[in-house]
Amino acid sequence: MPVDFDFRWAAIIVSGIIGFIAIAIMFGASMFISSRRRSEIKLTSYECGIEAAPFRWSQINIRYYIFAILFLIFDVEAVFLFPWAVIFIGNKIAFYAMLIFLAVLGFAILYGWRKGVLQWSK
């Protein structure tokens, strides 16, 4: 076993203990500093200064949710493409792995397009 191995684990354990102590101090300070007076107004939901209204049922189109998920997926794709282009420019295995990744994402966007997911309204 290398000599540095124990030192690395000790650093991880010490940082974990320091993190735990910092969290405990923050929770303790929050409990000590916070107000103890309870009232009905404090227990209501905050809605930008507007008095809370009773729940009303409303229908939300699922298309907005799917559109947002597709945006996140392809936004994350862009995050993977930049380091790939810089670091793996000469590595053929990484190049083909990224081509497979792009093919799967291309298939996903074509599938969503054919299903009509990308149309904002019908």
PDB file of N, CA and C in Angstrom:
ATOM      1  N   MET A   1       0.848  -1.169   0.000  1.00  0.00           N
ATOM      2  CA  MET A   1       0.000   0.000   0.000  1.00  0.00           C
ATOM      3  C   MET A   1       0.896   1.236   0.000  1.00  0.00           C
ATOM      4  N   PRO A   2       0.614   2.188  -0.916  1.00  0.00           N
ATOM      5  CA  PRO A   2       1.449   3.393  -0.981  1.00  0.00           C
ATOM      6  C   PRO A   2       1.352   4.227   0.298  1.00  0.00           C
ATOM      7  N   VAL A   3       2.385   4.986   0.543  1.00  0.00           N
ATOM      8  CA  VAL A   3       2.442   5.810   1.744  1.00  0.00           C
ATOM      9  C   VAL A   3       1.404   6.927   1.676  1.00  0.00           C
ATOM     10  N   ASP A   4       1.188   7.505   0.506  1.00  0.00           N
ATOM     11  CA  ASP A   4       0.245   8.613   0.348  1.00  0.00           C
ATOM     12  C   ASP A   4      -1.208   8.172   0.489  1.00  0.00           C
ATOM     13  N   PHE A   5      -1.444   6.868   0.401  1.00  0.00           N
ATOM     14  CA  PHE A   5      -2.822   6.362   0.440  1.00  0.00           C
ATOM     15  C   PHE A   5      -3.507   6.713   1.761  1.00  0.00           C
ATOM     16  N   ASP A   6      -2.833   6.490   2.889  1.00  0.00           N
ATOM     17  CA  ASP A   6      -3.395   6.821   4.198  1.00  0.00           C
ATOM     18  C   ASP A   6      -3.602   8.324   4.353  1.00  0.00           C
ATOM     19  N   PHE A   7      -2.668   9.096   3.830  1.00  0.00           N
ATOM     20  CA  PHE A   7      -2.775  10.550   3.931  1.00  0.00           C
ATOM     21  C   PHE A   7      -3.986  11.060   3.153  1.00  0.00           C
ATOM     22  N   ARG A   8      -4.266  10.484   1.989  1.00  0.00           N
ATOM     23  CA  ARG A   8      -5.416  10.909   1.188  1.00  0.00           C
ATOM     24  C   ARG A   8      -6.720  10.596   1.919  1.00  0.00           C
ATOM     25  N   TRP A   9      -6.805   9.408   2.510  1.00  0.00           N
ATOM     26  CA  TRP A   9      -8.024   9.059   3.258  1.00  0.00           C
ATOM     27  C   TRP A   9      -8.180   9.934   4.493  1.00  0.00           C
ATOM     28  N   ALA A  10      -7.069  10.272   5.121  1.00  0.00           N
ATOM     29  CA  ALA A  10      -7.142  11.156   6.290  1.00  0.00           C
ATOM     30  C   ALA A  10      -7.666  12.527   5.893  1.00  0.00           C
ATOM     31  N   ALA A  11      -7.249  13.037   4.737  1.00  0.00           N
ATOM     32  CA  ALA A  11      -7.739  14.330   4.262  1.00  0.00           C
ATOM     33  C   ALA A  11      -9.238  14.271   3.979  1.00  0.00           C
ATOM     34  N   ILE A  12      -9.709  13.173   3.419  1.00  0.00           N
ATOM     35  CA  ILE A  12     -11.135  13.013   3.141  1.00  0.00           C
ATOM     36  C   ILE A  12     -11.931  12.949   4.437  1.00  0.00           C
ATOM     37  N   ILE A  13     -11.439  12.215   5.399  1.00  0.00           N
ATOM     38  CA  ILE A  13     -12.143  12.089   6.688  1.00  0.00           C
ATOM     39  C   ILE A  13     -12.159  13.431   7.422  1.00  0.00           C
ATOM     40  N   VAL A  14     -11.037  14.128   7.430  1.00  0.00           N
ATOM     41  CA  VAL A  14     -10.977  15.436   8.102  1.00  0.00           C
ATOM     42  C   VAL A  14     -11.924  16.426   7.430  1.00  0.00           C
ATOM     43  N   SER A  15     -11.958  16.453   6.109  1.00  0.00           N
ATOM     44  CA  SER A  15     -12.865  17.388   5.434  1.00  0.00           C
ATOM     45  C   SER A  15     -14.319  17.004   5.682  1.00  0.00           C
ATOM     46  N   GLY A  16     -14.628  15.709   5.784  1.00  0.00           N
ATOM     47  CA  GLY A  16     -15.983  15.279   6.120  1.00  0.00           C
ATOM     48  C   GLY A  16     -16.388  15.719   7.515  1.00  0.00           C
ATOM     49  N   ILE A  17     -15.470  15.587   8.467  1.00  0.00           N
ATOM     50  CA  ILE A  17     -15.756  16.013   9.844  1.00  0.00           C
ATOM     51  C   ILE A  17     -15.956  17.525   9.899  1.00  0.00           C
ATOM     52  N   ILE A  18     -15.099  18.278   9.229  1.00  0.00           N
ATOM     53  CA  ILE A  18     -15.240  19.740   9.197  1.00  0.00           C
ATOM     54  C   ILE A  18     -16.568  20.132   8.552  1.00  0.00           C
ATOM     55  N   GLY A  19     -16.951  19.457   7.470  1.00  0.00           N
ATOM     56  CA  GLY A  19     -18.237  19.737   6.829  1.00  0.00           C
ATOM     57  C   GLY A  19     -19.405  19.440   7.751  1.00  0.00           C
ATOM     58  N   PHE A  20     -19.341  18.317   8.466  1.00  0.00           N
ATOM     59  CA  PHE A  20     -20.409  17.962   9.396  1.00  0.00           C
ATOM     60  C   PHE A  20     -20.522  18.989  10.522  1.00  0.00           C
ATOM     61  N   ILE A  21     -19.387  19.416  11.056  1.00  0.00           N
ATOM     62  CA  ILE A  21     -19.384  20.414  12.126  1.00  0.00           C
ATOM     63  C   ILE A  21     -19.945  21.742  11.613  1.00  0.00           C
ATOM     64  N   ALA A  22     -19.577  22.142  10.394  1.00  0.00           N
ATOM     65  CA  ALA A  22     -20.084  23.397   9.828  1.00  0.00           C
ATOM     66  C   ALA A  22     -21.594  23.340   9.660  1.00  0.00           C
ATOM     67  N   ILE A  23     -22.120  22.219   9.190  1.00  0.00           N
ATOM     68  CA  ILE A  23     -23.571  22.061   9.031  1.00  0.00           C
ATOM     69  C   ILE A  23     -24.254  22.101  10.389  1.00  0.00           C
ATOM     70  N   ALA A  24     -23.686  21.428  11.386  1.00  0.00           N
ATOM     71  CA  ALA A  24     -24.277  21.438  12.727  1.00  0.00           C
ATOM     72  C   ALA A  24     -24.281  22.849  13.312  1.00  0.00           C
ATOM     73  N   ILE A  25     -23.216  23.614  13.085  1.00  0.00           N
ATOM     74  CA  ILE A  25     -23.169  24.992  13.574  1.00  0.00           C
ATOM     75  C   ILE A  25     -24.235  25.836  12.876  1.00  0.00           C
ATOM     76  N   MET A  26     -24.409  25.652  11.575  1.00  0.00           N
ATOM     77  CA  MET A  26     -25.424  26.432  10.853  1.00  0.00           C
ATOM     78  C   MET A  26     -26.832  26.094  11.332  1.00  0.00           C
ATOM     79  N   PHE A  27     -27.129  24.805  11.526  1.00  0.00           N
ATOM     80  CA  PHE A  27     -28.438  24.424  12.044  1.00  0.00           C
ATOM     81  C   PHE A  27     -28.653  24.964  13.456  1.00  0.00           C
ATOM     82  N   GLY A  28     -27.639  24.869  14.286  1.00  0.00           N
ATOM     83  CA  GLY A  28     -27.744  25.394  15.646  1.00  0.00           C
ATOM     84  C   GLY A  28     -27.956  26.897  15.662  1.00  0.00           C
ATOM     85  N   ALA A  29     -27.213  27.627  14.840  1.00  0.00           N
ATOM     86  CA  ALA A  29     -27.390  29.078  14.770  1.00  0.00           C
ATOM     87  C   ALA A  29     -28.782  29.423  14.263  1.00  0.00           C
ATOM     88  N   SER A  30     -29.274  28.666  13.312  1.00  0.00           N
ATOM     89  CA  SER A  30     -30.624  28.910  12.794  1.00  0.00           C
ATOM     90  C   SER A  30     -31.672  28.708  13.885  1.00  0.00           C
ATOM     91  N   MET A  31     -31.525  27.653  14.666  1.00  0.00           N
ATOM     92  CA  MET A  31     -32.479  27.404  15.740  1.00  0.00           C
ATOM     93  C   MET A  31     -32.365  28.464  16.836  1.00  0.00           C
ATOM     94  N   PHE A  32     -31.165  28.949  17.113  1.00  0.00           N
ATOM     95  CA  PHE A  32     -30.950  29.934  18.166  1.00  0.00           C
ATOM     96  C   PHE A  32     -31.427  31.328  17.753  1.00  0.00           C
ATOM     97  N   ILE A  33     -31.192  31.701  16.508  1.00  0.00           N
ATOM     98  CA  ILE A  33     -31.497  33.047  16.033  1.00  0.00           C
ATOM     99  C   ILE A  33     -32.957  33.199  15.595  1.00  0.00           C
ATOM    100  N   SER A  34     -33.580  32.129  15.124  1.00  0.00           N
ATOM    101  CA  SER A  34     -34.919  32.236  14.526  1.00  0.00           C
ATOM    102  C   SER A  34     -35.972  32.666  15.538  1.00  0.00           C
ATOM    103  N   SER A  35     -37.040  33.240  15.003  1.00  0.00           N
ATOM    104  CA  SER A  35     -38.148  33.714  15.825  1.00  0.00           C
ATOM    105  C   SER A  35     -38.985  32.537  16.298  1.00  0.00           C
ATOM    106  N   ARG A  36     -39.496  32.639  17.523  1.00  0.00           N
ATOM    107  CA  ARG A  36     -40.292  31.560  18.090  1.00  0.00           C
ATOM    108  C   ARG A  36     -41.793  31.869  18.069  1.00  0.00           C
ATOM    109  N   ARG A  37     -42.161  33.078  17.676  1.00  0.00           N
ATOM    110  CA  ARG A  37     -43.571  33.448  17.684  1.00  0.00           C
ATOM    111  C   ARG A  37     -44.275  32.838  16.477  1.00  0.00           C
ATOM    112  N   ARG A  38     -45.254  31.992  16.729  1.00  0.00           N
ATOM    113  CA  ARG A  38     -46.018  31.363  15.657  1.00  0.00           C
ATOM    114  C   ARG A  38     -47.323  32.125  15.471  1.00  0.00           C
ATOM    115  N   SER A  39     -47.743  32.257  14.232  1.00  0.00           N
ATOM    116  CA  SER A  39     -49.024  32.884  13.940  1.00  0.00           C
ATOM    117  C   SER A  39     -49.610  32.236  12.694  1.00  0.00           C
ATOM    118  N   GLU A  40     -50.873  32.482  12.455  1.00  0.00           N
ATOM    119  CA  GLU A  40     -51.542  31.890  11.292  1.00  0.00           C
ATOM    120  C   GLU A  40     -50.971  32.451   9.988  1.00  0.00           C
ATOM    121  N   ILE A  41     -50.580  33.711   9.998  1.00  0.00           N
ATOM    122  CA  ILE A  41     -50.024  34.325   8.795  1.00  0.00           C
ATOM    123  C   ILE A  41     -48.675  33.698   8.445  1.00  0.00           C
ATOM    124  N   LYS A  42     -47.868  33.371   9.463  1.00  0.00           N
ATOM    125  CA  LYS A  42     -46.570  32.757   9.196  1.00  0.00           C
ATOM    126  C   LYS A  42     -46.693  31.357   8.605  1.00  0.00           C
ATOM    127  N   LEU A  43     -47.776  30.674   8.891  1.00  0.00           N
ATOM    128  CA  LEU A  43     -47.946  29.308   8.410  1.00  0.00           C
ATOM    129  C   LEU A  43     -48.537  29.230   7.008  1.00  0.00           C
ATOM    130  N   THR A  44     -48.941  30.362   6.427  1.00  0.00           N
ATOM    131  CA  THR A  44     -49.501  30.336   5.072  1.00  0.00           C
ATOM    132  C   THR A  44     -48.379  30.343   4.046  1.00  0.00           C
ATOM    133  N   SER A  45     -48.716  29.902   2.844  1.00  0.00           N
ATOM    134  CA  SER A  45     -47.757  29.899   1.747  1.00  0.00           C
ATOM    135  C   SER A  45     -47.493  31.319   1.277  1.00  0.00           C
ATOM    136  N   TYR A  46     -46.258  31.589   0.889  1.00  0.00           N
ATOM    137  CA  TYR A  46     -45.914  32.911   0.380  1.00  0.00           C
ATOM    138  C   TYR A  46     -46.145  32.927  -1.122  1.00  0.00           C
ATOM    139  N   GLU A  47     -47.007  33.825  -1.582  1.00  0.00           N
ATOM    140  CA  GLU A  47     -47.315  33.922  -3.004  1.00  0.00           C
ATOM    141  C   GLU A  47     -47.081  35.346  -3.488  1.00  0.00           C
ATOM    142  N   CYS A  48     -45.865  35.825  -3.352  1.00  0.00           N
ATOM    143  CA  CYS A  48     -45.449  37.131  -3.861  1.00  0.00           C
ATOM    144  C   CYS A  48     -46.282  38.280  -3.302  1.00  0.00           C
ATOM    145  N   GLY A  49     -46.641  38.210  -2.054  1.00  0.00           N
ATOM    146  CA  GLY A  49     -47.391  39.290  -1.435  1.00  0.00           C
ATOM    147  C   GLY A  49     -48.889  39.222  -1.642  1.00  0.00           C
ATOM    148  N   ILE A  50     -49.353  38.314  -2.477  1.00  0.00           N
ATOM    149  CA  ILE A  50     -50.783  38.156  -2.732  1.00  0.00           C
ATOM    150  C   ILE A  50     -51.342  37.199  -1.696  1.00  0.00           C
ATOM    151  N   GLU A  51     -52.501  37.523  -1.186  1.00  0.00           N
ATOM    152  CA  GLU A  51     -53.118  36.656  -0.199  1.00  0.00           C
ATOM    153  C   GLU A  51     -53.367  35.276  -0.794  1.00  0.00           C
ATOM    154  N   ALA A  52     -53.083  34.236  -0.022  1.00  0.00           N
ATOM    155  CA  ALA A  52     -53.202  32.871  -0.518  1.00  0.00           C
ATOM    156  C   ALA A  52     -54.652  32.557  -0.876  1.00  0.00           C
ATOM    157  N   ALA A  53     -54.832  31.976  -2.047  1.00  0.00           N
ATOM    158  CA  ALA A  53     -56.173  31.609  -2.521  1.00  0.00           C
ATOM    159  C   ALA A  53     -56.348  30.111  -2.365  1.00  0.00           C
ATOM    160  N   PRO A  54     -57.561  29.635  -2.258  1.00  0.00           N
ATOM    161  CA  PRO A  54     -57.764  28.184  -2.184  1.00  0.00           C
ATOM    162  C   PRO A  54     -57.348  27.517  -3.490  1.00  0.00           C
ATOM    163  N   PHE A  55     -57.037  26.241  -3.401  1.00  0.00           N
ATOM    164  CA  PHE A  55     -56.562  25.502  -4.573  1.00  0.00           C
ATOM    165  C   PHE A  55     -57.649  25.435  -5.628  1.00  0.00           C
ATOM    166  N   ARG A  56     -57.271  25.761  -6.833  1.00  0.00           N
ATOM    167  CA  ARG A  56     -58.169  25.624  -7.976  1.00  0.00           C
ATOM    168  C   ARG A  56     -57.515  24.693  -8.960  1.00  0.00           C
ATOM    169  N   TRP A  57     -58.281  23.746  -9.479  1.00  0.00           N
ATOM    170  CA  TRP A  57     -57.750  22.770 -10.421  1.00  0.00           C
ATOM    171  C   TRP A  57     -57.531  23.434 -11.765  1.00  0.00           C
ATOM    172  N   SER A  58     -56.388  23.207 -12.333  1.00  0.00           N
ATOM    173  CA  SER A  58     -56.109  23.736 -13.669  1.00  0.00           C
ATOM    174  C   SER A  58     -55.385  22.667 -14.465  1.00  0.00           C
ATOM    175  N   GLN A  59     -55.683  22.653 -15.734  1.00  0.00           N
ATOM    176  CA  GLN A  59     -55.064  21.651 -16.604  1.00  0.00           C
ATOM    177  C   GLN A  59     -53.812  22.249 -17.244  1.00  0.00           C
ATOM    178  N   ILE A  60     -52.697  21.560 -17.077  1.00  0.00           N
ATOM    179  CA  ILE A  60     -51.431  21.990 -17.650  1.00  0.00           C
ATOM    180  C   ILE A  60     -51.072  21.013 -18.757  1.00  0.00           C
ATOM    181  N   ASN A  61     -50.741  21.549 -19.889  1.00  0.00           N
ATOM    182  CA  ASN A  61     -50.414  20.710 -21.032  1.00  0.00           C
ATOM    183  C   ASN A  61     -49.069  20.023 -20.800  1.00  0.00           C
ATOM    184  N   ILE A  62     -49.013  18.728 -20.996  1.00  0.00           N
ATOM    185  CA  ILE A  62     -47.788  17.949 -20.777  1.00  0.00           C
ATOM    186  C   ILE A  62     -46.709  18.320 -21.789  1.00  0.00           C
ATOM    187  N   ARG A  63     -47.103  18.925 -22.889  1.00  0.00           N
ATOM    188  CA  ARG A  63     -46.152  19.294 -23.939  1.00  0.00           C
ATOM    189  C   ARG A  63     -45.087  20.261 -23.411  1.00  0.00           C
ATOM    190  N   TYR A  64     -45.443  21.152 -22.500  1.00  0.00           N
ATOM    191  CA  TYR A  64     -44.468  22.088 -21.943  1.00  0.00           C
ATOM    192  C   TYR A  64     -43.400  21.345 -21.136  1.00  0.00           C
ATOM    193  N   TYR A  65     -43.814  20.351 -20.394  1.00  0.00           N
ATOM    194  CA  TYR A  65     -42.885  19.555 -19.590  1.00  0.00           C
ATOM    195  C   TYR A  65     -41.919  18.795 -20.500  1.00  0.00           C
ATOM    196  N   ILE A  66     -42.441  18.158 -21.528  1.00  0.00           N
ATOM    197  CA  ILE A  66     -41.598  17.383 -22.452  1.00  0.00           C
ATOM    198  C   ILE A  66     -40.638  18.314 -23.185  1.00  0.00           C
ATOM    199  N   PHE A  67     -41.114  19.474 -23.573  1.00  0.00           N
ATOM    200  CA  PHE A  67     -40.261  20.449 -24.247  1.00  0.00           C
ATOM    201  C   PHE A  67     -39.108  20.858 -23.339  1.00  0.00           C
ATOM    202  N   ALA A  68     -39.392  21.087 -22.066  1.00  0.00           N
ATOM    203  CA  ALA A  68     -38.348  21.474 -21.112  1.00  0.00           C
ATOM    204  C   ALA A  68     -37.339  20.345 -20.903  1.00  0.00           C
ATOM    205  N   ILE A  69     -37.819  19.108 -20.807  1.00  0.00           N
ATOM    206  CA  ILE A  69     -36.914  17.970 -20.631  1.00  0.00           C
ATOM    207  C   ILE A  69     -36.009  17.813 -21.855  1.00  0.00           C
ATOM    208  N   LEU A  70     -36.564  17.958 -23.040  1.00  0.00           N
ATOM    209  CA  LEU A  70     -35.735  17.871 -24.254  1.00  0.00           C
ATOM    210  C   LEU A  70     -34.690  18.988 -24.277  1.00  0.00           C
ATOM    211  N   PHE A  71     -35.072  20.174 -23.847  1.00  0.00           N
ATOM    212  CA  PHE A  71     -34.095  21.263 -23.787  1.00  0.00           C
ATOM    213  C   PHE A  71     -32.954  20.913 -22.844  1.00  0.00           C
ATOM    214  N   LEU A  72     -33.280  20.372 -21.672  1.00  0.00           N
ATOM    215  CA  LEU A  72     -32.236  20.006 -20.712  1.00  0.00           C
ATOM    216  C   LEU A  72     -31.319  18.923 -21.261  1.00  0.00           C
ATOM    217  N   ILE A  73     -31.900  17.933 -21.926  1.00  0.00           N
ATOM    218  CA  ILE A  73     -31.081  16.849 -22.484  1.00  0.00           C
ATOM    219  C   ILE A  73     -30.087  17.400 -23.495  1.00  0.00           C
ATOM    220  N   PHE A  74     -30.537  18.253 -24.397  1.00  0.00           N
ATOM    221  CA  PHE A  74     -29.638  18.754 -25.424  1.00  0.00           C
ATOM    222  C   PHE A  74     -28.739  19.866 -24.904  1.00  0.00           C
ATOM    223  N   ASP A  75     -29.097  20.491 -23.817  1.00  0.00           N
ATOM    224  CA  ASP A  75     -28.204  21.436 -23.167  1.00  0.00           C
ATOM    225  C   ASP A  75     -27.041  20.690 -22.521  1.00  0.00           C
ATOM    226  N   VAL A  76     -27.327  19.570 -21.898  1.00  0.00           N
ATOM    227  CA  VAL A  76     -26.273  18.738 -21.301  1.00  0.00           C
ATOM    228  C   VAL A  76     -25.380  18.158 -22.392  1.00  0.00           C
ATOM    229  N   GLU A  77     -25.963  17.861 -23.544  1.00  0.00           N
ATOM    230  CA  GLU A  77     -25.152  17.385 -24.664  1.00  0.00           C
ATOM    231  C   GLU A  77     -24.091  18.413 -25.027  1.00  0.00           C
ATOM    232  N   ALA A  78     -24.462  19.670 -25.052  1.00  0.00           N
ATOM    233  CA  ALA A  78     -23.498  20.725 -25.383  1.00  0.00           C
ATOM    234  C   ALA A  78     -22.381  20.781 -24.344  1.00  0.00           C
ATOM    235  N   VAL A  79     -22.705  20.503 -23.093  1.00  0.00           N
ATOM    236  CA  VAL A  79     -21.687  20.493 -22.038  1.00  0.00           C
ATOM    237  C   VAL A  79     -20.669  19.381 -22.285  1.00  0.00           C
ATOM    238  N   PHE A  80     -21.121  18.244 -22.808  1.00  0.00           N
ATOM    239  CA  PHE A  80     -20.198  17.149 -23.103  1.00  0.00           C
ATOM    240  C   PHE A  80     -19.412  17.375 -24.387  1.00  0.00           C
ATOM    241  N   LEU A  81     -19.945  18.129 -25.312  1.00  0.00           N
ATOM    242  CA  LEU A  81     -19.267  18.315 -26.594  1.00  0.00           C
ATOM    243  C   LEU A  81     -18.045  19.223 -26.495  1.00  0.00           C
ATOM    244  N   PHE A  82     -18.089  20.256 -25.685  1.00  0.00           N
ATOM    245  CA  PHE A  82     -16.956  21.182 -25.614  1.00  0.00           C
ATOM    246  C   PHE A  82     -15.682  20.525 -25.086  1.00  0.00           C
ATOM    247  N   PRO A  83     -15.716  19.813 -23.954  1.00  0.00           N
ATOM    248  CA  PRO A  83     -14.470  19.166 -23.519  1.00  0.00           C
ATOM    249  C   PRO A  83     -14.016  18.070 -24.480  1.00  0.00           C
ATOM    250  N   TRP A  84     -14.963  17.391 -25.086  1.00  0.00           N
ATOM    251  CA  TRP A  84     -14.608  16.346 -26.044  1.00  0.00           C
ATOM    252  C   TRP A  84     -13.840  16.940 -27.207  1.00  0.00           C
ATOM    253  N   ALA A  85     -14.294  18.061 -27.711  1.00  0.00           N
ATOM    254  CA  ALA A  85     -13.644  18.681 -28.858  1.00  0.00           C
ATOM    255  C   ALA A  85     -12.242  19.165 -28.515  1.00  0.00           C
ATOM    256  N   VAL A  86     -12.017  19.578 -27.293  1.00  0.00           N
ATOM    257  CA  VAL A  86     -10.709  20.123 -26.914  1.00  0.00           C
ATOM    258  C   VAL A  86      -9.718  19.024 -26.544  1.00  0.00           C
ATOM    259  N   ILE A  87     -10.159  18.061 -25.742  1.00  0.00           N
ATOM    260  CA  ILE A  87      -9.240  17.083 -25.183  1.00  0.00           C
ATOM    261  C   ILE A  87      -9.009  15.883 -26.097  1.00  0.00           C
ATOM    262  N   PHE A  88     -10.062  15.351 -26.664  1.00  0.00           N
ATOM    263  CA  PHE A  88      -9.960  14.089 -27.385  1.00  0.00           C
ATOM    264  C   PHE A  88      -9.823  14.261 -28.890  1.00  0.00           C
ATOM    265  N   ILE A  89      -9.167  15.299 -29.334  1.00  0.00           N
ATOM    266  CA  ILE A  89      -9.066  15.575 -30.765  1.00  0.00           C
ATOM    267  C   ILE A  89      -8.257  14.498 -31.503  1.00  0.00           C
ATOM    268  N   GLY A  90      -7.274  13.886 -30.855  1.00  0.00           N
ATOM    269  CA  GLY A  90      -6.452  12.889 -31.533  1.00  0.00           C
ATOM    270  C   GLY A  90      -6.770  11.458 -31.137  1.00  0.00           C
ATOM    271  N   ASN A  91      -7.696  11.235 -30.237  1.00  0.00           N
ATOM    272  CA  ASN A  91      -8.018   9.904 -29.746  1.00  0.00           C
ATOM    273  C   ASN A  91      -9.164   9.320 -30.564  1.00  0.00           C
ATOM    274  N   LYS A  92      -8.895   8.244 -31.327  1.00  0.00           N
ATOM    275  CA  LYS A  92      -9.920   7.677 -32.211  1.00  0.00           C
ATOM    276  C   LYS A  92     -11.032   6.988 -31.441  1.00  0.00           C
ATOM    277  N   ILE A  93     -10.712   6.345 -30.324  1.00  0.00           N
ATOM    278  CA  ILE A  93     -11.740   5.649 -29.542  1.00  0.00           C
ATOM    279  C   ILE A  93     -12.737   6.654 -28.976  1.00  0.00           C
ATOM    280  N   ALA A  94     -12.235   7.749 -28.434  1.00  0.00           N
ATOM    281  CA  ALA A  94     -13.124   8.782 -27.899  1.00  0.00           C
ATOM    282  C   ALA A  94     -13.943   9.426 -29.006  1.00  0.00           C
ATOM    283  N   PHE A  95     -13.346   9.556 -30.183  1.00  0.00           N
ATOM    284  CA  PHE A  95     -14.062  10.133 -31.315  1.00  0.00           C
ATOM    285  C   PHE A  95     -15.252   9.273 -31.698  1.00  0.00           C
ATOM    286  N   TYR A  96     -15.045   7.958 -31.801  1.00  0.00           N
ATOM    287  CA  TYR A  96     -16.144   7.069 -32.181  1.00  0.00           C
ATOM    288  C   TYR A  96     -17.176   6.932 -31.057  1.00  0.00           C
ATOM    289  N   ALA A  97     -16.731   6.991 -29.815  1.00  0.00           N
ATOM    290  CA  ALA A  97     -17.679   6.955 -28.700  1.00  0.00           C
ATOM    291  C   ALA A  97     -18.580   8.186 -28.732  1.00  0.00           C
ATOM    292  N   MET A  98     -18.006   9.340 -29.037  1.00  0.00           N
ATOM    293  CA  MET A  98     -18.832  10.550 -29.117  1.00  0.00           C
ATOM    294  C   MET A  98     -19.743  10.520 -30.328  1.00  0.00           C
ATOM    295  N   LEU A  99     -19.304   9.911 -31.415  1.00  0.00           N
ATOM    296  CA  LEU A  99     -20.190   9.769 -32.568  1.00  0.00           C
ATOM    297  C   LEU A  99     -21.391   8.891 -32.239  1.00  0.00           C
ATOM    298  N   ILE A 100     -21.177   7.837 -31.460  1.00  0.00           N
ATOM    299  CA  ILE A 100     -22.295   6.988 -31.028  1.00  0.00           C
ATOM    300  C   ILE A 100     -23.231   7.789 -30.119  1.00  0.00           C
ATOM    301  N   PHE A 101     -22.654   8.566 -29.220  1.00  0.00           N
ATOM    302  CA  PHE A 101     -23.444   9.427 -28.333  1.00  0.00           C
ATOM    303  C   PHE A 101     -24.286  10.417 -29.142  1.00  0.00           C
ATOM    304  N   LEU A 102     -23.671  11.043 -30.139  1.00  0.00           N
ATOM    305  CA  LEU A 102     -24.403  11.987 -30.982  1.00  0.00           C
ATOM    306  C   LEU A 102     -25.466  11.289 -31.828  1.00  0.00           C
ATOM    307  N   ALA A 103     -25.194  10.056 -32.261  1.00  0.00           N
ATOM    308  CA  ALA A 103     -26.191   9.310 -33.032  1.00  0.00           C
ATOM    309  C   ALA A 103     -27.414   8.998 -32.180  1.00  0.00           C
ATOM    310  N   VAL A 104     -27.207   8.606 -30.940  1.00  0.00           N
ATOM    311  CA  VAL A 104     -28.340   8.320 -30.045  1.00  0.00           C
ATOM    312  C   VAL A 104     -29.152   9.594 -29.808  1.00  0.00           C
ATOM    313  N   LEU A 105     -28.467  10.712 -29.562  1.00  0.00           N
ATOM    314  CA  LEU A 105     -29.182  11.969 -29.361  1.00  0.00           C
ATOM    315  C   LEU A 105     -29.867  12.446 -30.639  1.00  0.00           C
ATOM    316  N   GLY A 106     -29.238  12.213 -31.767  1.00  0.00           N
ATOM    317  CA  GLY A 106     -29.880  12.548 -33.043  1.00  0.00           C
ATOM    318  C   GLY A 106     -31.132  11.726 -33.266  1.00  0.00           C
ATOM    319  N   PHE A 107     -31.064  10.441 -32.935  1.00  0.00           N
ATOM    320  CA  PHE A 107     -32.255   9.593 -33.035  1.00  0.00           C
ATOM    321  C   PHE A 107     -33.353  10.099 -32.101  1.00  0.00           C
ATOM    322  N   ALA A 108     -32.975  10.535 -30.899  1.00  0.00           N
ATOM    323  CA  ALA A 108     -33.967  11.029 -29.943  1.00  0.00           C
ATOM    324  C   ALA A 108     -34.650  12.294 -30.452  1.00  0.00           C
ATOM    325  N   ILE A 109     -33.894  13.209 -31.044  1.00  0.00           N
ATOM    326  CA  ILE A 109     -34.506  14.441 -31.536  1.00  0.00           C
ATOM    327  C   ILE A 109     -35.388  14.162 -32.748  1.00  0.00           C
ATOM    328  N   LEU A 110     -34.967  13.250 -33.608  1.00  0.00           N
ATOM    329  CA  LEU A 110     -35.811  12.885 -34.754  1.00  0.00           C
ATOM    330  C   LEU A 110     -37.089  12.192 -34.301  1.00  0.00           C
ATOM    331  N   TYR A 111     -36.983  11.330 -33.309  1.00  0.00           N
ATOM    332  CA  TYR A 111     -38.153  10.649 -32.774  1.00  0.00           C
ATOM    333  C   TYR A 111     -39.133  11.651 -32.165  1.00  0.00           C
ATOM    334  N   GLY A 112     -38.608  12.603 -31.384  1.00  0.00           N
ATOM    335  CA  GLY A 112     -39.464  13.630 -30.804  1.00  0.00           C
ATOM    336  C   GLY A 112     -40.097  14.515 -31.864  1.00  0.00           C
ATOM    337  N   TRP A 113     -39.353  14.810 -32.897  1.00  0.00           N
ATOM    338  CA  TRP A 113     -39.868  15.635 -33.987  1.00  0.00           C
ATOM    339  C   TRP A 113     -40.997  14.923 -34.722  1.00  0.00           C
ATOM    340  N   ARG A 114     -40.791  13.628 -35.002  1.00  0.00           N
ATOM    341  CA  ARG A 114     -41.825  12.848 -35.704  1.00  0.00           C
ATOM    342  C   ARG A 114     -43.082  12.676 -34.860  1.00  0.00           C
ATOM    343  N   LYS A 115     -42.932  12.585 -33.543  1.00  0.00           N
ATOM    344  CA  LYS A 115     -44.078  12.447 -32.646  1.00  0.00           C
ATOM    345  C   LYS A 115     -44.805  13.773 -32.417  1.00  0.00           C
ATOM    346  N   GLY A 116     -44.217  14.888 -32.866  1.00  0.00           N
ATOM    347  CA  GLY A 116     -44.849  16.189 -32.704  1.00  0.00           C
ATOM    348  C   GLY A 116     -44.591  16.840 -31.364  1.00  0.00           C
ATOM    349  N   VAL A 117     -43.582  16.372 -30.661  1.00  0.00           N
ATOM    350  CA  VAL A 117     -43.275  16.915 -29.334  1.00  0.00           C
ATOM    351  C   VAL A 117     -42.760  18.344 -29.434  1.00  0.00           C
ATOM    352  N   LEU A 118     -42.062  18.670 -30.496  1.00  0.00           N
ATOM    353  CA  LEU A 118     -41.438  19.986 -30.615  1.00  0.00           C
ATOM    354  C   LEU A 118     -42.386  21.060 -31.128  1.00  0.00           C
ATOM    355  N   GLN A 119     -43.616  20.718 -31.418  1.00  0.00           N
ATOM    356  CA  GLN A 119     -44.597  21.727 -31.823  1.00  0.00           C
ATOM    357  C   GLN A 119     -45.157  22.376 -30.566  1.00  0.00           C
ATOM    358  N   TRP A 120     -45.073  23.696 -30.512  1.00  0.00           N
ATOM    359  CA  TRP A 120     -45.479  24.406 -29.310  1.00  0.00           C
ATOM    360  C   TRP A 120     -46.995  24.381 -29.131  1.00  0.00           C
ATOM    361  N   SER A 121     -47.731  24.470 -30.200  1.00  0.00           N
ATOM    362  CA  SER A 121     -49.200  24.407 -30.098  1.00  0.00           C
ATOM    363  C   SER A 121     -49.740  23.648 -31.303  1.00  0.00           C
ATOM    364  N   LYS A 122     -50.929  23.058 -31.124  1.00  0.00           N
ATOM    365  CA  LYS A 122     -51.526  22.304 -32.232  1.00  0.00           C
ATOM    366  C   LYS A 122     -52.590  23.089 -32.919  1.00  0.00           C
TER     367      LYS A 122
END
